[in-house]
Amino acid sequence: MNLHINLLRAGALVIVLALAAAGTASAQSARARGMGGAFIGVSDDETATYYNPAGLSQIQGREASLQAKVNERDIYHWDSLAFTGHIYEDSPKDAFSVTDYLEHNVLEEPVPRRPKYSYGCAYTEDYRSVEFGKQVGGEFLGIRRETSNFQLAFGTRFPIARRMLAREQLYGGIKFDFANVDRWIKTLGTHSKCDSQALGFGLMYHYNDRITGGLTVDNILERVNGTGAQRDGVTLNIGGAFRLSKGVLISADSTNITNAPRSSQQQYRIGIEKKFIENDFTMRMGSWNGTLTLGFGMAILPNLRMDYAFYNGDVVKEHQIGAHFTFD
């Protein structure tokens, strides 16, 4: 009898640990969330670290954000920090320059410098309690899970793009993903831990001022440590964005086209963003694999924007807020 119970527990533990390898936190923003998560072909803020590292080189200046799920945090919450910066083509010189003096002391807006290399990092913590498992069921039933996720990305503009495509608007990037998952199985009284490291890359092409396309490939190289842990498998994701008119952006994504069985399920996302009042106020709406999302953004200060997003989940409703900072 005891042998049978022990074998049953061991089998259940292996299954749960296998599921744990597929569970990673998402360094999403309230802005992207409000647009249904369709951001692969946009990726024009610091969350490009997560969505498409190639998009980092589109950004001018340094940006940072703080994101959080704000409702029912005792049963399910996640918080995220992200930052991006650049190494510019023309580095500041120690010697006195009339041009630099005029740009930084006379002109109201200095002439923007072109990033040569861009970098971004994001850290996310995701907590889901046993009560959350009761509501959602499935793989979360009877389980408390804590996930920490760190991502480091680099992007650049391809110097050969002008010769190949008669344009310089081709960007590329790579992303390193480090995840740690702790799971406590209440019904079995067991604890498991899984660590993973993965490498992916992304591309982004500006066909013109209105149309942008993005592509990412995740888990090209992947290493997973933990009893019973398995690799997620390579996933291909594509997205596009179309600027319908000034201030109106439409985007659409398709994720996990390769249908890697252990990665996140295939999803189709679409979103729209409309800016008002000289870009000081923005409304957003989208569909995340058939689930409605809504959101808005508001400029509080010249360098500070606040965002809100609502995800109308069938079981768990999510309210998310974010603060977006620009430094230069």
Protein backbone atom coordinates (compact mmCIF):
# COMPACT_ATOMS: atom_id res chain seq x y z
CA MET A 1 0.00 0.00 0.00
CA ASN A 2 2.74 2.43 1.00
CA LEU A 3 4.75 1.45 -2.09
CA HIS A 4 1.72 2.16 -4.28
CA ILE A 5 1.22 5.59 -2.67
CA ASN A 6 4.90 6.46 -3.03
CA LEU A 7 4.87 5.51 -6.71
CA LEU A 8 1.75 7.59 -7.23
CA ARG A 9 3.36 10.57 -5.56
CA ALA A 10 6.53 10.16 -7.58
CA GLY A 11 4.57 10.00 -10.84
CA ALA A 12 2.55 13.09 -9.97
CA LEU A 13 5.71 14.93 -8.98
CA VAL A 14 7.35 14.19 -12.34
CA ILE A 15 4.28 15.47 -14.20
CA VAL A 16 4.16 18.67 -12.14
CA LEU A 17 7.87 19.30 -12.59
CA ALA A 18 7.48 18.86 -16.33
CA LEU A 19 4.73 21.48 -16.32
CA ALA A 20 6.91 23.76 -14.24
CA ALA A 21 9.51 23.95 -16.97
CA ALA A 22 6.98 25.57 -19.28
CA GLY A 23 5.88 28.21 -16.78
CA THR A 24 7.75 31.52 -17.14
CA ALA A 25 6.73 35.01 -16.14
CA SER A 26 5.91 37.61 -18.78
CA ALA A 27 7.57 41.01 -18.64
CA GLN A 28 4.54 42.65 -20.21
CA SER A 29 3.51 46.29 -19.97
CA ALA A 30 0.09 47.76 -19.28
CA ARG A 31 0.32 49.45 -22.67
CA ALA A 32 0.85 46.17 -24.54
CA ARG A 33 -1.68 44.40 -22.34
CA GLY A 34 -4.35 46.95 -23.28
CA MET A 35 -3.59 46.24 -26.95
CA GLY A 36 -4.29 42.53 -26.52
CA GLY A 37 -0.58 41.75 -26.15
CA ALA A 38 -0.03 42.36 -29.89
CA PHE A 39 3.37 44.01 -29.59
CA ILE A 40 5.95 41.98 -31.58
CA GLY A 41 5.66 44.31 -34.58
CA VAL A 42 5.56 47.45 -32.40
CA SER A 43 8.19 46.99 -29.64
CA ASP A 44 9.00 50.69 -29.44
CA ASP A 45 9.46 51.00 -25.68
CA GLU A 46 11.50 49.30 -22.94
CA THR A 47 9.34 46.15 -23.02
CA ALA A 48 10.94 45.30 -26.38
CA THR A 49 13.29 43.32 -24.13
CA TYR A 50 10.47 40.80 -23.76
CA TYR A 51 8.46 41.16 -26.98
CA ASN A 52 11.13 41.68 -29.64
CA PRO A 53 14.74 42.64 -28.78
CA ALA A 54 15.24 44.03 -32.31
CA GLY A 55 12.87 46.85 -31.37
CA LEU A 56 15.30 48.27 -28.80
CA SER A 57 17.19 50.16 -31.52
CA GLN A 58 14.02 52.06 -32.48
CA ILE A 59 13.99 53.82 -29.13
CA GLN A 60 15.56 57.24 -28.71
CA GLY A 61 16.97 57.87 -25.26
CA ARG A 62 16.71 55.83 -22.08
CA GLU A 63 13.44 54.46 -20.78
CA ALA A 64 12.30 52.60 -17.68
CA SER A 65 9.02 51.26 -16.36
CA LEU A 66 7.40 49.73 -13.30
CA GLN A 67 4.40 47.43 -13.84
CA ALA A 68 2.10 45.65 -11.40
CA LYS A 69 -1.11 43.65 -11.20
CA VAL A 70 -3.11 45.49 -8.55
CA ASN A 71 -6.24 43.43 -7.81
CA GLU A 72 -6.48 40.30 -5.62
CA ARG A 73 -2.75 40.30 -5.00
CA ASP A 74 -3.10 37.85 -2.11
CA ILE A 75 -3.99 35.03 -4.52
CA TYR A 76 -2.19 36.11 -7.70
CA HIS A 77 0.18 38.97 -8.39
CA TRP A 78 3.10 39.90 -10.57
CA ASP A 79 5.43 42.89 -10.66
CA SER A 80 7.92 43.89 -13.31
CA LEU A 81 10.79 46.35 -13.78
CA ALA A 82 12.33 47.15 -17.18
CA PHE A 83 15.06 49.48 -18.44
CA THR A 84 16.70 50.24 -21.77
CA GLY A 85 19.66 52.35 -22.90
CA HIS A 86 22.01 52.86 -25.84
CA ILE A 87 25.58 53.17 -26.99
CA TYR A 88 25.48 55.92 -29.60
CA GLU A 89 27.35 56.21 -32.88
CA ASP A 90 28.87 59.58 -31.94
CA SER A 91 30.12 59.36 -28.37
CA PRO A 92 30.49 62.66 -26.46
CA LYS A 93 33.99 64.09 -26.73
CA ASP A 94 36.02 65.46 -23.85
CA ALA A 95 37.23 68.39 -25.98
CA PHE A 96 35.08 71.51 -26.27
CA SER A 97 32.72 71.43 -29.26
CA VAL A 98 30.67 74.38 -30.50
CA THR A 99 28.07 71.94 -31.86
CA ASP A 100 27.70 70.15 -28.52
CA TYR A 101 27.50 73.47 -26.69
CA LEU A 102 24.73 74.77 -28.96
CA GLU A 103 22.78 71.51 -28.78
CA HIS A 104 22.83 71.26 -24.99
CA ASN A 105 22.75 74.93 -23.97
CA VAL A 106 20.97 76.91 -26.69
CA LEU A 107 18.64 74.64 -28.65
CA GLU A 108 15.42 73.65 -26.90
CA GLU A 109 15.66 70.10 -28.23
CA PRO A 110 19.14 68.67 -28.88
CA VAL A 111 19.64 66.89 -32.18
CA PRO A 112 18.88 63.19 -31.54
CA ARG A 113 21.80 60.82 -31.78
CA ARG A 114 21.46 57.50 -33.56
CA PRO A 115 21.89 54.40 -31.38
CA LYS A 116 24.58 52.02 -32.56
CA TYR A 117 23.91 49.34 -30.00
CA SER A 118 20.95 49.17 -27.65
CA TYR A 119 20.43 47.11 -24.53
CA GLY A 120 17.53 46.30 -22.26
CA CYS A 121 16.84 44.32 -19.11
CA ALA A 122 13.67 43.25 -17.35
CA TYR A 123 12.91 41.48 -14.08
CA THR A 124 9.55 39.95 -13.18
CA GLU A 125 8.14 38.18 -10.13
CA ASP A 126 4.98 36.09 -10.47
CA TYR A 127 3.13 34.55 -7.50
CA ARG A 128 0.11 32.23 -7.75
CA SER A 129 -1.39 30.79 -4.58
CA VAL A 130 -3.29 27.58 -3.89
CA GLU A 131 -6.49 29.66 -3.90
CA PHE A 132 -5.65 30.77 -7.44
CA GLY A 133 -5.30 27.09 -8.37
CA LYS A 134 -8.76 26.37 -6.97
CA GLN A 135 -10.28 29.05 -9.19
CA VAL A 136 -8.39 28.19 -12.38
CA GLY A 137 -7.93 24.43 -11.97
CA GLY A 138 -5.91 22.38 -14.43
CA GLU A 139 -2.16 22.33 -13.81
CA PHE A 140 -2.50 24.92 -11.01
CA LEU A 141 -4.88 22.88 -8.85
CA GLY A 142 -3.45 22.30 -5.36
CA ILE A 143 -0.21 24.11 -6.24
CA ARG A 144 1.43 27.32 -5.07
CA ARG A 145 3.93 28.67 -7.58
CA GLU A 146 6.51 31.46 -7.43
CA THR A 147 8.41 32.46 -10.56
CA SER A 148 11.25 34.93 -10.97
CA ASN A 149 12.40 35.83 -14.45
CA PHE A 150 15.34 37.96 -15.65
CA GLN A 151 15.83 38.92 -19.29
CA LEU A 152 18.78 40.66 -20.92
CA ALA A 153 18.59 41.80 -24.55
CA PHE A 154 20.73 43.59 -27.13
CA GLY A 155 19.66 45.19 -30.41
CA THR A 156 21.26 46.98 -33.35
CA ARG A 157 20.58 48.25 -36.86
CA PHE A 158 22.03 46.06 -39.61
CA PRO A 159 24.71 48.07 -41.47
CA ILE A 160 24.23 46.04 -44.65
CA ALA A 161 20.51 46.77 -44.84
CA ARG A 162 20.96 49.71 -47.22
CA ARG A 163 22.72 47.52 -49.80
CA MET A 164 20.25 44.68 -49.46
CA LEU A 165 16.97 46.57 -49.14
CA ALA A 166 17.81 50.15 -50.16
CA ARG A 167 16.87 51.12 -46.59
CA GLU A 168 18.47 51.11 -43.15
CA GLN A 169 15.31 50.15 -41.35
CA LEU A 170 16.24 46.55 -40.62
CA TYR A 171 16.94 45.76 -36.97
CA GLY A 172 18.11 42.65 -35.16
CA GLY A 173 18.48 41.60 -31.55
CA ILE A 174 19.19 38.71 -29.19
CA LYS A 175 17.65 37.88 -25.83
CA PHE A 176 18.90 35.85 -22.87
CA ASP A 177 16.23 34.50 -20.54
CA PHE A 178 16.86 33.22 -17.01
CA ALA A 179 13.92 31.76 -15.08
CA ASN A 180 13.49 30.16 -11.67
CA VAL A 181 10.28 28.35 -10.68
CA ASP A 182 9.45 27.14 -7.15
CA ARG A 183 6.36 24.98 -6.68
CA TRP A 184 4.76 23.68 -3.50
CA ILE A 185 2.30 20.82 -4.00
CA LYS A 186 -0.15 20.99 -1.12
CA THR A 187 -1.83 17.63 -1.75
CA LEU A 188 1.50 15.78 -1.79
CA GLY A 189 3.37 17.95 0.69
CA THR A 190 6.30 18.26 -1.71
CA HIS A 191 8.44 21.11 -3.01
CA SER A 192 10.13 21.31 -6.41
CA LYS A 193 12.44 23.78 -8.08
CA CYS A 194 13.34 24.34 -11.72
CA ASP A 195 15.90 26.66 -13.34
CA SER A 196 16.13 27.42 -17.04
CA GLN A 197 18.32 29.49 -19.36
CA ALA A 198 17.38 30.19 -22.97
CA LEU A 199 18.60 32.17 -25.98
CA GLY A 200 16.40 33.74 -28.65
CA PHE A 201 16.62 36.36 -31.38
CA GLY A 202 14.37 38.86 -33.13
CA LEU A 203 14.13 40.84 -36.37
CA MET A 204 12.19 43.97 -37.22
CA TYR A 205 11.74 45.64 -40.59
CA HIS A 206 10.19 49.02 -41.36
CA TYR A 207 8.74 48.66 -44.84
CA ASN A 208 7.80 52.32 -44.78
CA ASP A 209 6.60 54.89 -42.28
CA ARG A 210 3.29 53.06 -41.86
CA ILE A 211 4.04 49.33 -42.01
CA THR A 212 6.32 47.41 -39.65
CA GLY A 213 6.91 43.68 -39.34
CA GLY A 214 8.52 41.69 -36.53
CA LEU A 215 9.71 38.12 -36.04
CA THR A 216 11.10 36.35 -32.98
CA VAL A 217 12.46 32.85 -32.41
CA ASP A 218 12.64 31.70 -28.78
CA ASN A 219 14.55 28.85 -27.12
CA ILE A 220 17.08 28.36 -29.92
CA LEU A 221 19.43 27.22 -27.19
CA GLU A 222 17.88 26.09 -23.93
CA ARG A 223 19.11 24.51 -20.73
CA VAL A 224 16.80 23.28 -17.96
CA ASN A 225 17.82 22.03 -14.53
CA GLY A 226 15.49 20.23 -12.16
CA THR A 227 14.10 16.77 -11.51
CA GLY A 228 11.80 15.77 -14.37
CA ALA A 229 12.30 19.11 -16.16
CA GLN A 230 12.10 19.20 -19.96
CA ARG A 231 12.87 21.78 -22.62
CA ASP A 232 10.08 23.94 -24.01
CA GLY A 233 11.21 23.67 -27.63
CA VAL A 234 11.86 26.26 -30.33
CA THR A 235 8.97 28.66 -30.99
CA LEU A 236 8.42 31.03 -33.91
CA ASN A 237 6.36 34.20 -33.45
CA ILE A 238 5.44 36.91 -35.95
CA GLY A 239 3.72 40.26 -35.70
CA GLY A 240 2.90 43.34 -37.72
CA ALA A 241 1.85 46.92 -37.12
CA PHE A 242 0.06 49.40 -39.38
CA ARG A 243 -0.25 53.12 -38.68
CA LEU A 244 -3.67 53.80 -40.13
CA SER A 245 -3.37 57.55 -39.64
CA LYS A 246 -1.57 59.95 -37.37
CA GLY A 247 -2.12 58.70 -33.84
CA VAL A 248 -3.87 55.43 -34.82
CA LEU A 249 -1.91 52.17 -34.58
CA ILE A 250 -3.23 48.67 -35.37
CA SER A 251 -1.18 45.59 -34.49
CA ALA A 252 -1.55 41.81 -34.75
CA ASP A 253 0.56 38.87 -33.54
CA SER A 254 0.62 35.11 -33.93
CA THR A 255 2.68 33.25 -31.32
CA ASN A 256 4.13 29.72 -31.24
CA ILE A 257 3.48 29.10 -34.93
CA THR A 258 5.65 25.98 -34.71
CA ASN A 259 3.24 24.63 -32.07
CA ALA A 260 5.99 23.49 -29.72
CA PRO A 261 3.99 21.19 -27.38
CA ARG A 262 5.69 22.20 -24.13
CA SER A 263 5.75 25.94 -24.72
CA SER A 264 2.83 28.34 -24.32
CA GLN A 265 -0.18 27.55 -26.49
CA GLN A 266 -0.68 29.11 -29.90
CA GLN A 267 -2.22 32.53 -29.54
CA TYR A 268 -3.63 35.17 -31.86
CA ARG A 269 -3.60 38.74 -30.64
CA ILE A 270 -4.85 41.98 -32.13
CA GLY A 271 -4.94 45.50 -30.75
CA ILE A 272 -5.56 49.14 -31.56
CA GLU A 273 -4.17 52.31 -30.02
CA LYS A 274 -5.55 55.81 -30.57
CA LYS A 275 -3.78 58.94 -29.30
CA PHE A 276 -5.67 62.14 -28.42
CA ILE A 277 -4.87 65.65 -27.22
CA GLU A 278 -1.43 65.91 -28.80
CA ASN A 279 -0.52 62.42 -27.58
CA ASP A 280 -1.21 63.30 -23.94
CA PHE A 281 -4.07 60.77 -23.72
CA THR A 282 -4.31 57.34 -25.36
CA MET A 283 -7.10 54.76 -25.58
CA ARG A 284 -6.42 51.08 -26.28
CA MET A 285 -8.45 47.95 -27.01
CA GLY A 286 -7.59 44.43 -28.09
CA SER A 287 -8.27 40.71 -28.15
CA TRP A 288 -5.90 38.28 -26.43
CA ASN A 289 -6.75 34.94 -28.04
CA GLY A 290 -10.43 35.86 -27.93
CA THR A 291 -10.39 37.59 -24.53
CA LEU A 292 -11.21 41.29 -24.42
CA THR A 293 -8.58 43.76 -23.18
CA LEU A 294 -8.97 47.50 -22.59
CA GLY A 295 -6.60 50.23 -21.50
CA PHE A 296 -5.58 53.85 -21.55
CA GLY A 297 -2.48 55.96 -21.01
CA MET A 298 -2.01 59.51 -19.79
CA ALA A 299 0.99 61.83 -19.75
CA ILE A 300 1.33 63.09 -16.16
CA LEU A 301 4.61 64.93 -16.70
CA PRO A 302 6.75 65.48 -19.82
CA ASN A 303 8.86 62.44 -18.84
CA LEU A 304 6.21 60.36 -17.05
CA ARG A 305 3.28 58.39 -18.49
CA MET A 306 0.82 56.30 -16.50
CA ASP A 307 -0.90 53.30 -18.12
CA TYR A 308 -3.83 51.10 -17.14
CA ALA A 309 -5.01 47.79 -18.64
CA PHE A 310 -7.92 45.44 -17.99
CA TYR A 311 -7.94 41.77 -18.99
CA ASN A 312 -11.41 40.23 -18.99
CA GLY A 313 -10.45 36.65 -18.13
CA ASP A 314 -13.17 34.00 -17.86
CA VAL A 315 -12.12 33.11 -14.30
CA VAL A 316 -9.64 35.76 -13.16
CA LYS A 317 -10.06 39.42 -14.09
CA GLU A 318 -6.83 41.41 -14.12
CA HIS A 319 -6.23 45.11 -13.51
CA GLN A 320 -2.74 46.30 -14.32
CA ILE A 321 -1.06 49.68 -13.93
CA GLY A 322 2.30 50.89 -15.14
CA ALA A 323 4.56 53.92 -14.84
CA HIS A 324 6.74 54.71 -17.85
CA PHE A 325 9.74 57.06 -17.51
CA THR A 326 11.95 58.67 -20.17
CA PHE A 327 15.31 60.17 -19.25
CA ASP A 328 16.63 61.81 -22.42
